[in-house]
Each structure stands twice: as structure tokens, then as C-alpha cells.
Amino acid sequence: MGREDDYRDRAEKRSVRDKDDRDRLSWSEIDKLRSGKKVRNERPSASRKEKHVTQQYKNDLNDIFDKGVIPDYLKEDMAALSKPKDEGQLRLLAAIRDASSPAALRKAVNAYTKKHKEFPDDTTILYRVLECDDEAVLLQAIRQIAKIAEVEPLPSKRQLALKLESIALMAEDGELIDEAEELRRKAK
């Protein structure tokens, strides 16, 4: 009886092993899959012209970094970007940004508004203008910030909300108070 039990045990083990092997691929099946069609990159190959343009661009970049030589087509673009459009405007904006006292800020803002109708759509400048004590200027800045808020998210919302709350508390003009409160609600 001992031998029959051994044979039976071996047969059971073999049947379990056969089940496991059926789930796996044989080496010949794996080799067939490997030698079959290979998956191609789905990105179409670039045309000769595209390859040439790309190579030329890479060569230009290498020249910029290795030799310090800037291609003519980039020199034109860089010249246009580096020229300030209005040096006077830049100086006035710098004065607003760098004002160290309320009186200096008021003076810088007044100098700017004499020459320009609106402030630039730069939130750092507009947030700085919110520290001015002229209610007409504050109203103008709040309206510009509200326009920007319709298009893009505002930076430093908590800081803006605190400034607007302070303006609403200190202002005498009802329209300024309303617009400051409305923008503060939007900024939260």
C-alpha cells in the first residue's frame, strides 16, 4: 500500500504542476512572440525638412552656449525685447514700487497718473497702489484688479483681502467701499 500512496501523491503533484504550466507560456511561445511583429513608435517620423530645422536649431543653441555667437534671427528678437517701450513710465513705476513712505507713494502715484490714464496690469504695482491714501486712485486700482481677476487667478489673495478690508473700513466714498468689499469676497 505504501507504493500506491507514493504513486498517487506523485500523480496529484504532477496534475497541480500541469495546471500551473498551462497558465504560463512555454519558451517556444515566448520566442515566437519576440520574433513576431514589433510595436512601432506611434509618432510619425519627421520629414527631412523638419529634421534639418531641428538640427539647425540645436547647432544654433550649441553656438550660443559654446562660442557665445547669437544667430541674426535671434538678435532681432532680443533687441526688440530689451528696449524699454517708455523709459519714463518705467521710472515712474519704479518710484511707486520703491516708495518708502505714504507721502512718497502719494507723490509717485500722482506723478504716474498725470502722464498715464491707467496703471499697467501688473498686480505687484496695483497691490502697492492700494496702499495709497487717495480714494480716486484706490477705486481705479480696485477696478483694474477686478478686471484681472476675471481673466486669471490673483496672486497673494490673503494679502489682497486684508488690504481691501482695511480700505473698506477706512474709506468714506460709498462706491469705493462697495467695490472693495465685492473684490474682497471674490479674492477669498
Protein backbone atom coordinates (compact mmCIF):
# COMPACT_ATOMS: atom_id res chain seq x y z
CA MET A 1 0.00 0.00 0.00
CA GLY A 2 2.88 2.33 0.57
CA ARG A 3 3.86 2.28 -3.08
CA GLU A 4 0.37 3.04 -4.31
CA ASP A 5 0.19 6.03 -1.99
CA ASP A 6 3.51 7.27 -3.33
CA TYR A 7 2.28 6.94 -6.92
CA ARG A 8 -0.96 8.66 -6.06
CA ASP A 9 0.89 11.54 -4.33
CA ARG A 10 3.21 11.92 -7.30
CA ALA A 11 0.28 11.95 -9.73
CA GLU A 12 -1.50 14.63 -7.69
CA LYS A 13 1.64 16.76 -7.59
CA ARG A 14 2.07 16.37 -11.34
CA SER A 15 -1.53 17.39 -12.02
CA VAL A 16 -1.10 20.51 -9.87
CA ARG A 17 2.16 21.34 -11.69
CA ASP A 18 0.45 20.81 -15.07
CA LYS A 19 -2.28 23.31 -14.16
CA ASP A 20 0.35 25.91 -13.29
CA ASP A 21 2.22 25.25 -16.52
CA ARG A 22 -0.93 25.70 -18.62
CA ASP A 23 -1.24 29.28 -17.34
CA ARG A 24 2.33 30.07 -18.31
CA LEU A 25 3.73 30.38 -21.80
CA SER A 26 6.30 27.90 -22.99
CA TRP A 27 9.74 29.09 -24.07
CA SER A 28 8.88 28.42 -27.69
CA GLU A 29 5.73 30.54 -27.39
CA ILE A 30 7.72 33.36 -25.79
CA ASP A 31 10.28 33.20 -28.61
CA LYS A 32 7.51 33.32 -31.21
CA LEU A 33 6.09 36.43 -29.57
CA ARG A 34 9.52 38.06 -29.52
CA SER A 35 10.24 37.37 -33.15
CA GLY A 36 6.79 38.46 -34.27
CA LYS A 37 5.76 41.98 -35.23
CA LYS A 38 7.38 44.61 -33.13
CA VAL A 39 5.33 47.50 -31.84
CA ARG A 40 6.35 50.67 -33.65
CA ASN A 41 6.52 54.05 -32.14
CA GLU A 42 3.19 55.71 -32.90
CA ARG A 43 4.87 59.03 -33.55
CA PRO A 44 5.34 59.52 -37.29
CA SER A 45 8.88 60.10 -38.40
CA ALA A 46 9.82 63.69 -39.13
CA SER A 47 10.33 64.84 -42.67
CA ARG A 48 13.77 65.78 -43.93
CA LYS A 49 12.95 69.47 -43.66
CA GLU A 50 11.79 69.11 -40.06
CA LYS A 51 14.92 67.15 -39.19
CA HIS A 52 17.08 69.80 -40.84
CA VAL A 53 15.32 72.63 -38.97
CA THR A 54 15.67 70.78 -35.69
CA GLN A 55 19.34 70.10 -36.32
CA GLN A 56 19.94 73.74 -37.27
CA TYR A 57 18.20 74.87 -34.08
CA LYS A 58 20.38 72.53 -31.99
CA ASN A 59 23.50 73.81 -33.77
CA ASP A 60 22.44 77.40 -33.05
CA LEU A 61 21.95 76.58 -29.37
CA ASN A 62 25.37 74.93 -29.24
CA ASP A 63 26.90 78.04 -30.83
CA ILE A 64 25.19 80.26 -28.25
CA PHE A 65 26.43 78.27 -25.28
CA ASP A 66 29.82 77.13 -26.59
CA LYS A 67 31.01 80.08 -28.64
CA GLY A 68 28.76 82.89 -27.44
CA VAL A 69 27.60 83.53 -31.02
CA ILE A 70 23.96 84.60 -31.36
CA PRO A 71 22.26 83.98 -34.73
CA ASP A 72 20.90 87.01 -36.61
CA TYR A 73 17.26 85.98 -36.32
CA LEU A 74 17.56 85.88 -32.53
CA LYS A 75 19.46 89.18 -32.35
CA GLU A 76 16.46 90.99 -33.86
CA ASP A 77 14.06 89.44 -31.35
CA MET A 78 16.37 90.17 -28.41
CA ALA A 79 16.79 93.79 -29.47
CA ALA A 80 13.01 94.26 -29.57
CA LEU A 81 12.61 92.71 -26.13
CA SER A 82 15.41 94.59 -24.45
CA LYS A 83 14.25 98.07 -25.48
CA PRO A 84 12.00 99.64 -22.89
CA LYS A 85 8.88 100.97 -24.52
CA ASP A 86 8.79 104.09 -22.39
CA GLU A 87 11.68 104.78 -20.05
CA GLY A 88 9.70 107.49 -18.28
CA GLN A 89 6.93 105.04 -17.49
CA LEU A 90 9.45 102.54 -16.12
CA ARG A 91 10.97 105.19 -13.86
CA LEU A 92 7.54 106.22 -12.58
CA LEU A 93 6.61 102.59 -11.86
CA ALA A 94 9.92 102.08 -10.07
CA ALA A 95 9.14 105.14 -7.93
CA ILE A 96 5.77 103.62 -6.97
CA ARG A 97 7.34 100.27 -6.20
CA ASP A 98 10.21 101.75 -4.18
CA ALA A 99 8.31 104.44 -2.25
CA SER A 100 9.29 104.23 1.39
CA SER A 101 6.60 106.39 2.98
CA PRO A 102 2.94 107.18 2.39
CA ALA A 103 3.89 110.69 1.23
CA ALA A 104 6.45 109.32 -1.24
CA LEU A 105 3.91 106.80 -2.53
CA ARG A 106 1.26 109.51 -2.98
CA LYS A 107 3.78 111.67 -4.86
CA ALA A 108 4.85 108.75 -7.12
CA VAL A 109 1.24 107.74 -7.84
CA ASN A 110 0.25 111.33 -8.66
CA ALA A 111 3.24 111.70 -10.99
CA TYR A 112 2.24 108.48 -12.76
CA THR A 113 -1.45 109.37 -13.11
CA LYS A 114 -0.58 112.77 -14.61
CA LYS A 115 1.09 111.05 -17.57
CA HIS A 116 -0.89 107.81 -17.87
CA LYS A 117 -4.61 107.10 -17.67
CA GLU A 118 -4.33 103.60 -16.18
CA PHE A 119 -1.83 101.60 -14.24
CA PRO A 120 -0.28 98.61 -16.02
CA ASP A 121 -1.92 95.23 -15.49
CA ASP A 122 0.78 94.24 -13.04
CA THR A 123 -0.61 93.02 -9.74
CA THR A 124 2.52 93.90 -7.79
CA ILE A 125 2.19 97.55 -8.84
CA LEU A 126 -1.58 97.55 -8.31
CA TYR A 127 -1.26 95.99 -4.85
CA ARG A 128 1.30 98.66 -4.00
CA VAL A 129 -1.09 101.38 -5.25
CA LEU A 130 -3.69 100.00 -2.80
CA GLU A 131 -1.52 101.45 -0.03
CA CYS A 132 -2.12 104.99 -1.32
CA ASP A 133 -4.49 107.27 0.61
CA ASP A 134 -6.16 108.87 -2.45
CA GLU A 135 -9.62 107.31 -2.77
CA ALA A 136 -9.95 108.04 -6.51
CA VAL A 137 -6.69 106.21 -7.16
CA LEU A 138 -7.77 103.33 -4.91
CA LEU A 139 -11.04 102.98 -6.83
CA GLN A 140 -9.16 102.90 -10.14
CA ALA A 141 -6.72 100.26 -8.85
CA ILE A 142 -9.52 98.09 -7.43
CA ARG A 143 -11.37 98.19 -10.75
CA GLN A 144 -8.23 97.17 -12.62
CA ILE A 145 -7.58 94.32 -10.20
CA ALA A 146 -11.20 93.18 -10.64
CA LYS A 147 -10.69 93.09 -14.43
CA ILE A 148 -7.56 90.99 -14.00
CA ALA A 149 -9.43 88.66 -11.61
CA GLU A 150 -11.98 87.92 -14.34
CA VAL A 151 -9.23 86.60 -16.61
CA GLU A 152 -6.69 84.97 -14.32
CA PRO A 153 -6.28 83.95 -10.69
CA LEU A 154 -4.90 86.66 -8.45
CA PRO A 155 -1.68 86.12 -6.51
CA SER A 156 -1.47 86.64 -2.75
CA LYS A 157 -5.23 86.53 -2.21
CA ARG A 158 -4.94 86.68 1.56
CA GLN A 159 -2.79 89.81 1.40
CA LEU A 160 -5.21 91.38 -1.07
CA ALA A 161 -8.23 90.52 1.07
CA LEU A 162 -6.62 92.16 4.10
CA LYS A 163 -5.77 95.33 2.16
CA LEU A 164 -9.30 95.53 0.74
CA GLU A 165 -10.83 95.04 4.18
CA SER A 166 -8.69 97.87 5.51
CA ILE A 167 -9.70 100.11 2.59
CA ALA A 168 -13.40 99.36 3.15
CA LEU A 169 -13.09 100.25 6.83
CA MET A 170 -11.21 103.50 6.28
CA ALA A 171 -12.89 104.80 3.10
CA GLU A 172 -15.52 107.50 3.04
CA ASP A 173 -16.69 107.00 -0.56
CA GLY A 174 -19.59 104.52 -0.70
CA GLU A 175 -18.68 103.31 -4.20
CA LEU A 176 -15.13 102.56 -3.09
CA ILE A 177 -16.40 100.67 -0.06
CA ASP A 178 -18.78 98.57 -2.20
CA GLU A 179 -16.17 97.71 -4.82
CA ALA A 180 -13.53 96.90 -2.19
CA GLU A 181 -15.97 94.57 -0.39
CA GLU A 182 -17.03 92.88 -3.64
CA LEU A 183 -13.44 92.27 -4.73
CA ARG A 184 -12.56 91.05 -1.23
CA ARG A 185 -15.34 88.44 -1.45
CA LYS A 186 -14.05 87.30 -4.84
CA ALA A 187 -10.48 87.15 -3.58
CA LYS A 188 -11.31 84.82 -0.67
